[in-house]
Amino acid sequence: LTLWRGVFARFFPAVWVSVLAILGS
């Protein structure tokens, strides 16, 4: 669970940028 907390903490900001890039483009 500690691993997943760390993984998501790094992945989710990249997903937000991706969502903005996908939606905008």
PDBML (XML) file of the C-alpha atoms, coordinates in Angstrom:
<?xml version="1.0" encoding="UTF-8" ?>
<PDBx:datablock datablockName="MODEL"
   xmlns:PDBx="http://pdbml.pdb.org/schema/pdbx-v50.xsd"
   xmlns:xsi="http://www.w3.org/2001/XMLSchema-instance"
   xsi:schemaLocation="http://pdbml.pdb.org/schema/pdbx-v50.xsd pdbx-v50.xsd">
   <PDBx:atom_siteCategory>
      <PDBx:atom_site id="1">
         <PDBx:B_iso_or_equiv>0.00</PDBx:B_iso_or_equiv>
         <PDBx:Cartn_x>0.000</PDBx:Cartn_x>
         <PDBx:Cartn_y>0.000</PDBx:Cartn_y>
         <PDBx:Cartn_z>0.000</PDBx:Cartn_z>
         <PDBx:auth_asym_id>A</PDBx:auth_asym_id>
         <PDBx:auth_atom_id>CA</PDBx:auth_atom_id>
         <PDBx:auth_comp_id>LEU</PDBx:auth_comp_id>
         <PDBx:auth_seq_id>1</PDBx:auth_seq_id>
         <PDBx:group_PDB>ATOM</PDBx:group_PDB>
         <PDBx:label_alt_id xsi:nil="true" />
         <PDBx:label_asym_id>A</PDBx:label_asym_id>
         <PDBx:label_atom_id>CA</PDBx:label_atom_id>
         <PDBx:label_comp_id>LEU</PDBx:label_comp_id>
         <PDBx:label_entity_id>1</PDBx:label_entity_id>
         <PDBx:label_seq_id>1</PDBx:label_seq_id>
         <PDBx:occupancy>1.00</PDBx:occupancy>
         <PDBx:pdbx_PDB_model_num>1</PDBx:pdbx_PDB_model_num>
         <PDBx:type_symbol>C</PDBx:type_symbol>
      </PDBx:atom_site>
      <PDBx:atom_site id="2">
         <PDBx:B_iso_or_equiv>0.00</PDBx:B_iso_or_equiv>
         <PDBx:Cartn_x>2.905</PDBx:Cartn_x>
         <PDBx:Cartn_y>2.343</PDBx:Cartn_y>
         <PDBx:Cartn_z>0.679</PDBx:Cartn_z>
         <PDBx:auth_asym_id>A</PDBx:auth_asym_id>
         <PDBx:auth_atom_id>CA</PDBx:auth_atom_id>
         <PDBx:auth_comp_id>THR</PDBx:auth_comp_id>
         <PDBx:auth_seq_id>2</PDBx:auth_seq_id>
         <PDBx:group_PDB>ATOM</PDBx:group_PDB>
         <PDBx:label_alt_id xsi:nil="true" />
         <PDBx:label_asym_id>A</PDBx:label_asym_id>
         <PDBx:label_atom_id>CA</PDBx:label_atom_id>
         <PDBx:label_comp_id>THR</PDBx:label_comp_id>
         <PDBx:label_entity_id>1</PDBx:label_entity_id>
         <PDBx:label_seq_id>2</PDBx:label_seq_id>
         <PDBx:occupancy>1.00</PDBx:occupancy>
         <PDBx:pdbx_PDB_model_num>1</PDBx:pdbx_PDB_model_num>
         <PDBx:type_symbol>C</PDBx:type_symbol>
      </PDBx:atom_site>
      <PDBx:atom_site id="3">
         <PDBx:B_iso_or_equiv>0.00</PDBx:B_iso_or_equiv>
         <PDBx:Cartn_x>4.309</PDBx:Cartn_x>
         <PDBx:Cartn_y>1.484</PDBx:Cartn_y>
         <PDBx:Cartn_z>-2.749</PDBx:Cartn_z>
         <PDBx:auth_asym_id>A</PDBx:auth_asym_id>
         <PDBx:auth_atom_id>CA</PDBx:auth_atom_id>
         <PDBx:auth_comp_id>LEU</PDBx:auth_comp_id>
         <PDBx:auth_seq_id>3</PDBx:auth_seq_id>
         <PDBx:group_PDB>ATOM</PDBx:group_PDB>
         <PDBx:label_alt_id xsi:nil="true" />
         <PDBx:label_asym_id>A</PDBx:label_asym_id>
         <PDBx:label_atom_id>CA</PDBx:label_atom_id>
         <PDBx:label_comp_id>LEU</PDBx:label_comp_id>
         <PDBx:label_entity_id>1</PDBx:label_entity_id>
         <PDBx:label_seq_id>3</PDBx:label_seq_id>
         <PDBx:occupancy>1.00</PDBx:occupancy>
         <PDBx:pdbx_PDB_model_num>1</PDBx:pdbx_PDB_model_num>
         <PDBx:type_symbol>C</PDBx:type_symbol>
      </PDBx:atom_site>
      <PDBx:atom_site id="4">
         <PDBx:B_iso_or_equiv>0.00</PDBx:B_iso_or_equiv>
         <PDBx:Cartn_x>0.984</PDBx:Cartn_x>
         <PDBx:Cartn_y>2.271</PDBx:Cartn_y>
         <PDBx:Cartn_z>-4.446</PDBx:Cartn_z>
         <PDBx:auth_asym_id>A</PDBx:auth_asym_id>
         <PDBx:auth_atom_id>CA</PDBx:auth_atom_id>
         <PDBx:auth_comp_id>TRP</PDBx:auth_comp_id>
         <PDBx:auth_seq_id>4</PDBx:auth_seq_id>
         <PDBx:group_PDB>ATOM</PDBx:group_PDB>
         <PDBx:label_alt_id xsi:nil="true" />
         <PDBx:label_asym_id>A</PDBx:label_asym_id>
         <PDBx:label_atom_id>CA</PDBx:label_atom_id>
         <PDBx:label_comp_id>TRP</PDBx:label_comp_id>
         <PDBx:label_entity_id>1</PDBx:label_entity_id>
         <PDBx:label_seq_id>4</PDBx:label_seq_id>
         <PDBx:occupancy>1.00</PDBx:occupancy>
         <PDBx:pdbx_PDB_model_num>1</PDBx:pdbx_PDB_model_num>
         <PDBx:type_symbol>C</PDBx:type_symbol>
      </PDBx:atom_site>
      <PDBx:atom_site id="5">
         <PDBx:B_iso_or_equiv>0.00</PDBx:B_iso_or_equiv>
         <PDBx:Cartn_x>0.665</PDBx:Cartn_x>
         <PDBx:Cartn_y>5.544</PDBx:Cartn_y>
         <PDBx:Cartn_z>-2.552</PDBx:Cartn_z>
         <PDBx:auth_asym_id>A</PDBx:auth_asym_id>
         <PDBx:auth_atom_id>CA</PDBx:auth_atom_id>
         <PDBx:auth_comp_id>ARG</PDBx:auth_comp_id>
         <PDBx:auth_seq_id>5</PDBx:auth_seq_id>
         <PDBx:group_PDB>ATOM</PDBx:group_PDB>
         <PDBx:label_alt_id xsi:nil="true" />
         <PDBx:label_asym_id>A</PDBx:label_asym_id>
         <PDBx:label_atom_id>CA</PDBx:label_atom_id>
         <PDBx:label_comp_id>ARG</PDBx:label_comp_id>
         <PDBx:label_entity_id>1</PDBx:label_entity_id>
         <PDBx:label_seq_id>5</PDBx:label_seq_id>
         <PDBx:occupancy>1.00</PDBx:occupancy>
         <PDBx:pdbx_PDB_model_num>1</PDBx:pdbx_PDB_model_num>
         <PDBx:type_symbol>C</PDBx:type_symbol>
      </PDBx:atom_site>
      <PDBx:atom_site id="6">
         <PDBx:B_iso_or_equiv>0.00</PDBx:B_iso_or_equiv>
         <PDBx:Cartn_x>4.073</PDBx:Cartn_x>
         <PDBx:Cartn_y>6.556</PDBx:Cartn_y>
         <PDBx:Cartn_z>-3.909</PDBx:Cartn_z>
         <PDBx:auth_asym_id>A</PDBx:auth_asym_id>
         <PDBx:auth_atom_id>CA</PDBx:auth_atom_id>
         <PDBx:auth_comp_id>GLY</PDBx:auth_comp_id>
         <PDBx:auth_seq_id>6</PDBx:auth_seq_id>
         <PDBx:group_PDB>ATOM</PDBx:group_PDB>
         <PDBx:label_alt_id xsi:nil="true" />
         <PDBx:label_asym_id>A</PDBx:label_asym_id>
         <PDBx:label_atom_id>CA</PDBx:label_atom_id>
         <PDBx:label_comp_id>GLY</PDBx:label_comp_id>
         <PDBx:label_entity_id>1</PDBx:label_entity_id>
         <PDBx:label_seq_id>6</PDBx:label_seq_id>
         <PDBx:occupancy>1.00</PDBx:occupancy>
         <PDBx:pdbx_PDB_model_num>1</PDBx:pdbx_PDB_model_num>
         <PDBx:type_symbol>C</PDBx:type_symbol>
      </PDBx:atom_site>
      <PDBx:atom_site id="7">
         <PDBx:B_iso_or_equiv>0.00</PDBx:B_iso_or_equiv>
         <PDBx:Cartn_x>3.348</PDBx:Cartn_x>
         <PDBx:Cartn_y>5.300</PDBx:Cartn_y>
         <PDBx:Cartn_z>-7.443</PDBx:Cartn_z>
         <PDBx:auth_asym_id>A</PDBx:auth_asym_id>
         <PDBx:auth_atom_id>CA</PDBx:auth_atom_id>
         <PDBx:auth_comp_id>VAL</PDBx:auth_comp_id>
         <PDBx:auth_seq_id>7</PDBx:auth_seq_id>
         <PDBx:group_PDB>ATOM</PDBx:group_PDB>
         <PDBx:label_alt_id xsi:nil="true" />
         <PDBx:label_asym_id>A</PDBx:label_asym_id>
         <PDBx:label_atom_id>CA</PDBx:label_atom_id>
         <PDBx:label_comp_id>VAL</PDBx:label_comp_id>
         <PDBx:label_entity_id>1</PDBx:label_entity_id>
         <PDBx:label_seq_id>7</PDBx:label_seq_id>
         <PDBx:occupancy>1.00</PDBx:occupancy>
         <PDBx:pdbx_PDB_model_num>1</PDBx:pdbx_PDB_model_num>
         <PDBx:type_symbol>C</PDBx:type_symbol>
      </PDBx:atom_site>
      <PDBx:atom_site id="8">
         <PDBx:B_iso_or_equiv>0.00</PDBx:B_iso_or_equiv>
         <PDBx:Cartn_x>0.052</PDBx:Cartn_x>
         <PDBx:Cartn_y>7.170</PDBx:Cartn_y>
         <PDBx:Cartn_z>-7.659</PDBx:Cartn_z>
         <PDBx:auth_asym_id>A</PDBx:auth_asym_id>
         <PDBx:auth_atom_id>CA</PDBx:auth_atom_id>
         <PDBx:auth_comp_id>PHE</PDBx:auth_comp_id>
         <PDBx:auth_seq_id>8</PDBx:auth_seq_id>
         <PDBx:group_PDB>ATOM</PDBx:group_PDB>
         <PDBx:label_alt_id xsi:nil="true" />
         <PDBx:label_asym_id>A</PDBx:label_asym_id>
         <PDBx:label_atom_id>CA</PDBx:label_atom_id>
         <PDBx:label_comp_id>PHE</PDBx:label_comp_id>
         <PDBx:label_entity_id>1</PDBx:label_entity_id>
         <PDBx:label_seq_id>8</PDBx:label_seq_id>
         <PDBx:occupancy>1.00</PDBx:occupancy>
         <PDBx:pdbx_PDB_model_num>1</PDBx:pdbx_PDB_model_num>
         <PDBx:type_symbol>C</PDBx:type_symbol>
      </PDBx:atom_site>
      <PDBx:atom_site id="9">
         <PDBx:B_iso_or_equiv>0.00</PDBx:B_iso_or_equiv>
         <PDBx:Cartn_x>1.616</PDBx:Cartn_x>
         <PDBx:Cartn_y>10.322</PDBx:Cartn_y>
         <PDBx:Cartn_z>-6.203</PDBx:Cartn_z>
         <PDBx:auth_asym_id>A</PDBx:auth_asym_id>
         <PDBx:auth_atom_id>CA</PDBx:auth_atom_id>
         <PDBx:auth_comp_id>ALA</PDBx:auth_comp_id>
         <PDBx:auth_seq_id>9</PDBx:auth_seq_id>
         <PDBx:group_PDB>ATOM</PDBx:group_PDB>
         <PDBx:label_alt_id xsi:nil="true" />
         <PDBx:label_asym_id>A</PDBx:label_asym_id>
         <PDBx:label_atom_id>CA</PDBx:label_atom_id>
         <PDBx:label_comp_id>ALA</PDBx:label_comp_id>
         <PDBx:label_entity_id>1</PDBx:label_entity_id>
         <PDBx:label_seq_id>9</PDBx:label_seq_id>
         <PDBx:occupancy>1.00</PDBx:occupancy>
         <PDBx:pdbx_PDB_model_num>1</PDBx:pdbx_PDB_model_num>
         <PDBx:type_symbol>C</PDBx:type_symbol>
      </PDBx:atom_site>
      <PDBx:atom_site id="10">
         <PDBx:B_iso_or_equiv>0.00</PDBx:B_iso_or_equiv>
         <PDBx:Cartn_x>4.019</PDBx:Cartn_x>
         <PDBx:Cartn_y>10.331</PDBx:Cartn_y>
         <PDBx:Cartn_z>-9.156</PDBx:Cartn_z>
         <PDBx:auth_asym_id>A</PDBx:auth_asym_id>
         <PDBx:auth_atom_id>CA</PDBx:auth_atom_id>
         <PDBx:auth_comp_id>ARG</PDBx:auth_comp_id>
         <PDBx:auth_seq_id>10</PDBx:auth_seq_id>
         <PDBx:group_PDB>ATOM</PDBx:group_PDB>
         <PDBx:label_alt_id xsi:nil="true" />
         <PDBx:label_asym_id>A</PDBx:label_asym_id>
         <PDBx:label_atom_id>CA</PDBx:label_atom_id>
         <PDBx:label_comp_id>ARG</PDBx:label_comp_id>
         <PDBx:label_entity_id>1</PDBx:label_entity_id>
         <PDBx:label_seq_id>10</PDBx:label_seq_id>
         <PDBx:occupancy>1.00</PDBx:occupancy>
         <PDBx:pdbx_PDB_model_num>1</PDBx:pdbx_PDB_model_num>
         <PDBx:type_symbol>C</PDBx:type_symbol>
      </PDBx:atom_site>
      <PDBx:atom_site id="11">
         <PDBx:B_iso_or_equiv>0.00</PDBx:B_iso_or_equiv>
         <PDBx:Cartn_x>1.626</PDBx:Cartn_x>
         <PDBx:Cartn_y>9.045</PDBx:Cartn_y>
         <PDBx:Cartn_z>-11.836</PDBx:Cartn_z>
         <PDBx:auth_asym_id>A</PDBx:auth_asym_id>
         <PDBx:auth_atom_id>CA</PDBx:auth_atom_id>
         <PDBx:auth_comp_id>PHE</PDBx:auth_comp_id>
         <PDBx:auth_seq_id>11</PDBx:auth_seq_id>
         <PDBx:group_PDB>ATOM</PDBx:group_PDB>
         <PDBx:label_alt_id xsi:nil="true" />
         <PDBx:label_asym_id>A</PDBx:label_asym_id>
         <PDBx:label_atom_id>CA</PDBx:label_atom_id>
         <PDBx:label_comp_id>PHE</PDBx:label_comp_id>
         <PDBx:label_entity_id>1</PDBx:label_entity_id>
         <PDBx:label_seq_id>11</PDBx:label_seq_id>
         <PDBx:occupancy>1.00</PDBx:occupancy>
         <PDBx:pdbx_PDB_model_num>1</PDBx:pdbx_PDB_model_num>
         <PDBx:type_symbol>C</PDBx:type_symbol>
      </PDBx:atom_site>
      <PDBx:atom_site id="12">
         <PDBx:B_iso_or_equiv>0.00</PDBx:B_iso_or_equiv>
         <PDBx:Cartn_x>-1.451</PDBx:Cartn_x>
         <PDBx:Cartn_y>11.177</PDBx:Cartn_y>
         <PDBx:Cartn_z>-11.174</PDBx:Cartn_z>
         <PDBx:auth_asym_id>A</PDBx:auth_asym_id>
         <PDBx:auth_atom_id>CA</PDBx:auth_atom_id>
         <PDBx:auth_comp_id>PHE</PDBx:auth_comp_id>
         <PDBx:auth_seq_id>12</PDBx:auth_seq_id>
         <PDBx:group_PDB>ATOM</PDBx:group_PDB>
         <PDBx:label_alt_id xsi:nil="true" />
         <PDBx:label_asym_id>A</PDBx:label_asym_id>
         <PDBx:label_atom_id>CA</PDBx:label_atom_id>
         <PDBx:label_comp_id>PHE</PDBx:label_comp_id>
         <PDBx:label_entity_id>1</PDBx:label_entity_id>
         <PDBx:label_seq_id>12</PDBx:label_seq_id>
         <PDBx:occupancy>1.00</PDBx:occupancy>
         <PDBx:pdbx_PDB_model_num>1</PDBx:pdbx_PDB_model_num>
         <PDBx:type_symbol>C</PDBx:type_symbol>
      </PDBx:atom_site>
      <PDBx:atom_site id="13">
         <PDBx:B_iso_or_equiv>0.00</PDBx:B_iso_or_equiv>
         <PDBx:Cartn_x>0.206</PDBx:Cartn_x>
         <PDBx:Cartn_y>14.552</PDBx:Cartn_y>
         <PDBx:Cartn_z>-11.921</PDBx:Cartn_z>
         <PDBx:auth_asym_id>A</PDBx:auth_asym_id>
         <PDBx:auth_atom_id>CA</PDBx:auth_atom_id>
         <PDBx:auth_comp_id>PRO</PDBx:auth_comp_id>
         <PDBx:auth_seq_id>13</PDBx:auth_seq_id>
         <PDBx:group_PDB>ATOM</PDBx:group_PDB>
         <PDBx:label_alt_id xsi:nil="true" />
         <PDBx:label_asym_id>A</PDBx:label_asym_id>
         <PDBx:label_atom_id>CA</PDBx:label_atom_id>
         <PDBx:label_comp_id>PRO</PDBx:label_comp_id>
         <PDBx:label_entity_id>1</PDBx:label_entity_id>
         <PDBx:label_seq_id>13</PDBx:label_seq_id>
         <PDBx:occupancy>1.00</PDBx:occupancy>
         <PDBx:pdbx_PDB_model_num>1</PDBx:pdbx_PDB_model_num>
         <PDBx:type_symbol>C</PDBx:type_symbol>
      </PDBx:atom_site>
      <PDBx:atom_site id="14">
         <PDBx:B_iso_or_equiv>0.00</PDBx:B_iso_or_equiv>
         <PDBx:Cartn_x>1.323</PDBx:Cartn_x>
         <PDBx:Cartn_y>13.096</PDBx:Cartn_y>
         <PDBx:Cartn_z>-15.274</PDBx:Cartn_z>
         <PDBx:auth_asym_id>A</PDBx:auth_asym_id>
         <PDBx:auth_atom_id>CA</PDBx:auth_atom_id>
         <PDBx:auth_comp_id>ALA</PDBx:auth_comp_id>
         <PDBx:auth_seq_id>14</PDBx:auth_seq_id>
         <PDBx:group_PDB>ATOM</PDBx:group_PDB>
         <PDBx:label_alt_id xsi:nil="true" />
         <PDBx:label_asym_id>A</PDBx:label_asym_id>
         <PDBx:label_atom_id>CA</PDBx:label_atom_id>
         <PDBx:label_comp_id>ALA</PDBx:label_comp_id>
         <PDBx:label_entity_id>1</PDBx:label_entity_id>
         <PDBx:label_seq_id>14</PDBx:label_seq_id>
         <PDBx:occupancy>1.00</PDBx:occupancy>
         <PDBx:pdbx_PDB_model_num>1</PDBx:pdbx_PDB_model_num>
         <PDBx:type_symbol>C</PDBx:type_symbol>
      </PDBx:atom_site>
      <PDBx:atom_site id="15">
         <PDBx:B_iso_or_equiv>0.00</PDBx:B_iso_or_equiv>
         <PDBx:Cartn_x>-2.254</PDBx:Cartn_x>
         <PDBx:Cartn_y>11.949</PDBx:Cartn_y>
         <PDBx:Cartn_z>-15.895</PDBx:Cartn_z>
         <PDBx:auth_asym_id>A</PDBx:auth_asym_id>
         <PDBx:auth_atom_id>CA</PDBx:auth_atom_id>
         <PDBx:auth_comp_id>VAL</PDBx:auth_comp_id>
         <PDBx:auth_seq_id>15</PDBx:auth_seq_id>
         <PDBx:group_PDB>ATOM</PDBx:group_PDB>
         <PDBx:label_alt_id xsi:nil="true" />
         <PDBx:label_asym_id>A</PDBx:label_asym_id>
         <PDBx:label_atom_id>CA</PDBx:label_atom_id>
         <PDBx:label_comp_id>VAL</PDBx:label_comp_id>
         <PDBx:label_entity_id>1</PDBx:label_entity_id>
         <PDBx:label_seq_id>15</PDBx:label_seq_id>
         <PDBx:occupancy>1.00</PDBx:occupancy>
         <PDBx:pdbx_PDB_model_num>1</PDBx:pdbx_PDB_model_num>
         <PDBx:type_symbol>C</PDBx:type_symbol>
      </PDBx:atom_site>
      <PDBx:atom_site id="16">
         <PDBx:B_iso_or_equiv>0.00</PDBx:B_iso_or_equiv>
         <PDBx:Cartn_x>-3.571</PDBx:Cartn_x>
         <PDBx:Cartn_y>15.474</PDBx:Cartn_y>
         <PDBx:Cartn_z>-15.225</PDBx:Cartn_z>
         <PDBx:auth_asym_id>A</PDBx:auth_asym_id>
         <PDBx:auth_atom_id>CA</PDBx:auth_atom_id>
         <PDBx:auth_comp_id>TRP</PDBx:auth_comp_id>
         <PDBx:auth_seq_id>16</PDBx:auth_seq_id>
         <PDBx:group_PDB>ATOM</PDBx:group_PDB>
         <PDBx:label_alt_id xsi:nil="true" />
         <PDBx:label_asym_id>A</PDBx:label_asym_id>
         <PDBx:label_atom_id>CA</PDBx:label_atom_id>
         <PDBx:label_comp_id>TRP</PDBx:label_comp_id>
         <PDBx:label_entity_id>1</PDBx:label_entity_id>
         <PDBx:label_seq_id>16</PDBx:label_seq_id>
         <PDBx:occupancy>1.00</PDBx:occupancy>
         <PDBx:pdbx_PDB_model_num>1</PDBx:pdbx_PDB_model_num>
         <PDBx:type_symbol>C</PDBx:type_symbol>
      </PDBx:atom_site>
      <PDBx:atom_site id="17">
         <PDBx:B_iso_or_equiv>0.00</PDBx:B_iso_or_equiv>
         <PDBx:Cartn_x>-1.127</PDBx:Cartn_x>
         <PDBx:Cartn_y>16.874</PDBx:Cartn_y>
         <PDBx:Cartn_z>-17.799</PDBx:Cartn_z>
         <PDBx:auth_asym_id>A</PDBx:auth_asym_id>
         <PDBx:auth_atom_id>CA</PDBx:auth_atom_id>
         <PDBx:auth_comp_id>VAL</PDBx:auth_comp_id>
         <PDBx:auth_seq_id>17</PDBx:auth_seq_id>
         <PDBx:group_PDB>ATOM</PDBx:group_PDB>
         <PDBx:label_alt_id xsi:nil="true" />
         <PDBx:label_asym_id>A</PDBx:label_asym_id>
         <PDBx:label_atom_id>CA</PDBx:label_atom_id>
         <PDBx:label_comp_id>VAL</PDBx:label_comp_id>
         <PDBx:label_entity_id>1</PDBx:label_entity_id>
         <PDBx:label_seq_id>17</PDBx:label_seq_id>
         <PDBx:occupancy>1.00</PDBx:occupancy>
         <PDBx:pdbx_PDB_model_num>1</PDBx:pdbx_PDB_model_num>
         <PDBx:type_symbol>C</PDBx:type_symbol>
      </PDBx:atom_site>
      <PDBx:atom_site id="18">
         <PDBx:B_iso_or_equiv>0.00</PDBx:B_iso_or_equiv>
         <PDBx:Cartn_x>-2.109</PDBx:Cartn_x>
         <PDBx:Cartn_y>14.092</PDBx:Cartn_y>
         <PDBx:Cartn_z>-20.212</PDBx:Cartn_z>
         <PDBx:auth_asym_id>A</PDBx:auth_asym_id>
         <PDBx:auth_atom_id>CA</PDBx:auth_atom_id>
         <PDBx:auth_comp_id>SER</PDBx:auth_comp_id>
         <PDBx:auth_seq_id>18</PDBx:auth_seq_id>
         <PDBx:group_PDB>ATOM</PDBx:group_PDB>
         <PDBx:label_alt_id xsi:nil="true" />
         <PDBx:label_asym_id>A</PDBx:label_asym_id>
         <PDBx:label_atom_id>CA</PDBx:label_atom_id>
         <PDBx:label_comp_id>SER</PDBx:label_comp_id>
         <PDBx:label_entity_id>1</PDBx:label_entity_id>
         <PDBx:label_seq_id>18</PDBx:label_seq_id>
         <PDBx:occupancy>1.00</PDBx:occupancy>
         <PDBx:pdbx_PDB_model_num>1</PDBx:pdbx_PDB_model_num>
         <PDBx:type_symbol>C</PDBx:type_symbol>
      </PDBx:atom_site>
      <PDBx:atom_site id="19">
         <PDBx:B_iso_or_equiv>0.00</PDBx:B_iso_or_equiv>
         <PDBx:Cartn_x>-5.824</PDBx:Cartn_x>
         <PDBx:Cartn_y>14.764</PDBx:Cartn_y>
         <PDBx:Cartn_z>-19.720</PDBx:Cartn_z>
         <PDBx:auth_asym_id>A</PDBx:auth_asym_id>
         <PDBx:auth_atom_id>CA</PDBx:auth_atom_id>
         <PDBx:auth_comp_id>VAL</PDBx:auth_comp_id>
         <PDBx:auth_seq_id>19</PDBx:auth_seq_id>
         <PDBx:group_PDB>ATOM</PDBx:group_PDB>
         <PDBx:label_alt_id xsi:nil="true" />
         <PDBx:label_asym_id>A</PDBx:label_asym_id>
         <PDBx:label_atom_id>CA</PDBx:label_atom_id>
         <PDBx:label_comp_id>VAL</PDBx:label_comp_id>
         <PDBx:label_entity_id>1</PDBx:label_entity_id>
         <PDBx:label_seq_id>19</PDBx:label_seq_id>
         <PDBx:occupancy>1.00</PDBx:occupancy>
         <PDBx:pdbx_PDB_model_num>1</PDBx:pdbx_PDB_model_num>
         <PDBx:type_symbol>C</PDBx:type_symbol>
      </PDBx:atom_site>
      <PDBx:atom_site id="20">
         <PDBx:B_iso_or_equiv>0.00</PDBx:B_iso_or_equiv>
         <PDBx:Cartn_x>-5.296</PDBx:Cartn_x>
         <PDBx:Cartn_y>18.454</PDBx:Cartn_y>
         <PDBx:Cartn_z>-20.464</PDBx:Cartn_z>
         <PDBx:auth_asym_id>A</PDBx:auth_asym_id>
         <PDBx:auth_atom_id>CA</PDBx:auth_atom_id>
         <PDBx:auth_comp_id>LEU</PDBx:auth_comp_id>
         <PDBx:auth_seq_id>20</PDBx:auth_seq_id>
         <PDBx:group_PDB>ATOM</PDBx:group_PDB>
         <PDBx:label_alt_id xsi:nil="true" />
         <PDBx:label_asym_id>A</PDBx:label_asym_id>
         <PDBx:label_atom_id>CA</PDBx:label_atom_id>
         <PDBx:label_comp_id>LEU</PDBx:label_comp_id>
         <PDBx:label_entity_id>1</PDBx:label_entity_id>
         <PDBx:label_seq_id>20</PDBx:label_seq_id>
         <PDBx:occupancy>1.00</PDBx:occupancy>
         <PDBx:pdbx_PDB_model_num>1</PDBx:pdbx_PDB_model_num>
         <PDBx:type_symbol>C</PDBx:type_symbol>
      </PDBx:atom_site>
      <PDBx:atom_site id="21">
         <PDBx:B_iso_or_equiv>0.00</PDBx:B_iso_or_equiv>
         <PDBx:Cartn_x>-3.170</PDBx:Cartn_x>
         <PDBx:Cartn_y>17.654</PDBx:Cartn_y>
         <PDBx:Cartn_z>-23.522</PDBx:Cartn_z>
         <PDBx:auth_asym_id>A</PDBx:auth_asym_id>
         <PDBx:auth_atom_id>CA</PDBx:auth_atom_id>
         <PDBx:auth_comp_id>ALA</PDBx:auth_comp_id>
         <PDBx:auth_seq_id>21</PDBx:auth_seq_id>
         <PDBx:group_PDB>ATOM</PDBx:group_PDB>
         <PDBx:label_alt_id xsi:nil="true" />
         <PDBx:label_asym_id>A</PDBx:label_asym_id>
         <PDBx:label_atom_id>CA</PDBx:label_atom_id>
         <PDBx:label_comp_id>ALA</PDBx:label_comp_id>
         <PDBx:label_entity_id>1</PDBx:label_entity_id>
         <PDBx:label_seq_id>21</PDBx:label_seq_id>
         <PDBx:occupancy>1.00</PDBx:occupancy>
         <PDBx:pdbx_PDB_model_num>1</PDBx:pdbx_PDB_model_num>
         <PDBx:type_symbol>C</PDBx:type_symbol>
      </PDBx:atom_site>
      <PDBx:atom_site id="22">
         <PDBx:B_iso_or_equiv>0.00</PDBx:B_iso_or_equiv>
         <PDBx:Cartn_x>-5.665</PDBx:Cartn_x>
         <PDBx:Cartn_y>15.095</PDBx:Cartn_y>
         <PDBx:Cartn_z>-24.856</PDBx:Cartn_z>
         <PDBx:auth_asym_id>A</PDBx:auth_asym_id>
         <PDBx:auth_atom_id>CA</PDBx:auth_atom_id>
         <PDBx:auth_comp_id>ILE</PDBx:auth_comp_id>
         <PDBx:auth_seq_id>22</PDBx:auth_seq_id>
         <PDBx:group_PDB>ATOM</PDBx:group_PDB>
         <PDBx:label_alt_id xsi:nil="true" />
         <PDBx:label_asym_id>A</PDBx:label_asym_id>
         <PDBx:label_atom_id>CA</PDBx:label_atom_id>
         <PDBx:label_comp_id>ILE</PDBx:label_comp_id>
         <PDBx:label_entity_id>1</PDBx:label_entity_id>
         <PDBx:label_seq_id>22</PDBx:label_seq_id>
         <PDBx:occupancy>1.00</PDBx:occupancy>
         <PDBx:pdbx_PDB_model_num>1</PDBx:pdbx_PDB_model_num>
         <PDBx:type_symbol>C</PDBx:type_symbol>
      </PDBx:atom_site>
      <PDBx:atom_site id="23">
         <PDBx:B_iso_or_equiv>0.00</PDBx:B_iso_or_equiv>
         <PDBx:Cartn_x>-8.725</PDBx:Cartn_x>
         <PDBx:Cartn_y>17.249</PDBx:Cartn_y>
         <PDBx:Cartn_z>-24.236</PDBx:Cartn_z>
         <PDBx:auth_asym_id>A</PDBx:auth_asym_id>
         <PDBx:auth_atom_id>CA</PDBx:auth_atom_id>
         <PDBx:auth_comp_id>LEU</PDBx:auth_comp_id>
         <PDBx:auth_seq_id>23</PDBx:auth_seq_id>
         <PDBx:group_PDB>ATOM</PDBx:group_PDB>
         <PDBx:label_alt_id xsi:nil="true" />
         <PDBx:label_asym_id>A</PDBx:label_asym_id>
         <PDBx:label_atom_id>CA</PDBx:label_atom_id>
         <PDBx:label_comp_id>LEU</PDBx:label_comp_id>
         <PDBx:label_entity_id>1</PDBx:label_entity_id>
         <PDBx:label_seq_id>23</PDBx:label_seq_id>
         <PDBx:occupancy>1.00</PDBx:occupancy>
         <PDBx:pdbx_PDB_model_num>1</PDBx:pdbx_PDB_model_num>
         <PDBx:type_symbol>C</PDBx:type_symbol>
      </PDBx:atom_site>
      <PDBx:atom_site id="24">
         <PDBx:B_iso_or_equiv>0.00</PDBx:B_iso_or_equiv>
         <PDBx:Cartn_x>-7.153</PDBx:Cartn_x>
         <PDBx:Cartn_y>20.449</PDBx:Cartn_y>
         <PDBx:Cartn_z>-25.555</PDBx:Cartn_z>
         <PDBx:auth_asym_id>A</PDBx:auth_asym_id>
         <PDBx:auth_atom_id>CA</PDBx:auth_atom_id>
         <PDBx:auth_comp_id>GLY</PDBx:auth_comp_id>
         <PDBx:auth_seq_id>24</PDBx:auth_seq_id>
         <PDBx:group_PDB>ATOM</PDBx:group_PDB>
         <PDBx:label_alt_id xsi:nil="true" />
         <PDBx:label_asym_id>A</PDBx:label_asym_id>
         <PDBx:label_atom_id>CA</PDBx:label_atom_id>
         <PDBx:label_comp_id>GLY</PDBx:label_comp_id>
         <PDBx:label_entity_id>1</PDBx:label_entity_id>
         <PDBx:label_seq_id>24</PDBx:label_seq_id>
         <PDBx:occupancy>1.00</PDBx:occupancy>
         <PDBx:pdbx_PDB_model_num>1</PDBx:pdbx_PDB_model_num>
         <PDBx:type_symbol>C</PDBx:type_symbol>
      </PDBx:atom_site>
      <PDBx:atom_site id="25">
         <PDBx:B_iso_or_equiv>0.00</PDBx:B_iso_or_equiv>
         <PDBx:Cartn_x>-5.607</PDBx:Cartn_x>
         <PDBx:Cartn_y>18.908</PDBx:Cartn_y>
         <PDBx:Cartn_z>-28.649</PDBx:Cartn_z>
         <PDBx:auth_asym_id>A</PDBx:auth_asym_id>
         <PDBx:auth_atom_id>CA</PDBx:auth_atom_id>
         <PDBx:auth_comp_id>SER</PDBx:auth_comp_id>
         <PDBx:auth_seq_id>25</PDBx:auth_seq_id>
         <PDBx:group_PDB>ATOM</PDBx:group_PDB>
         <PDBx:label_alt_id xsi:nil="true" />
         <PDBx:label_asym_id>A</PDBx:label_asym_id>
         <PDBx:label_atom_id>CA</PDBx:label_atom_id>
         <PDBx:label_comp_id>SER</PDBx:label_comp_id>
         <PDBx:label_entity_id>1</PDBx:label_entity_id>
         <PDBx:label_seq_id>25</PDBx:label_seq_id>
         <PDBx:occupancy>1.00</PDBx:occupancy>
         <PDBx:pdbx_PDB_model_num>1</PDBx:pdbx_PDB_model_num>
         <PDBx:type_symbol>C</PDBx:type_symbol>
      </PDBx:atom_site>
   </PDBx:atom_siteCategory>
</PDBx:datablock>
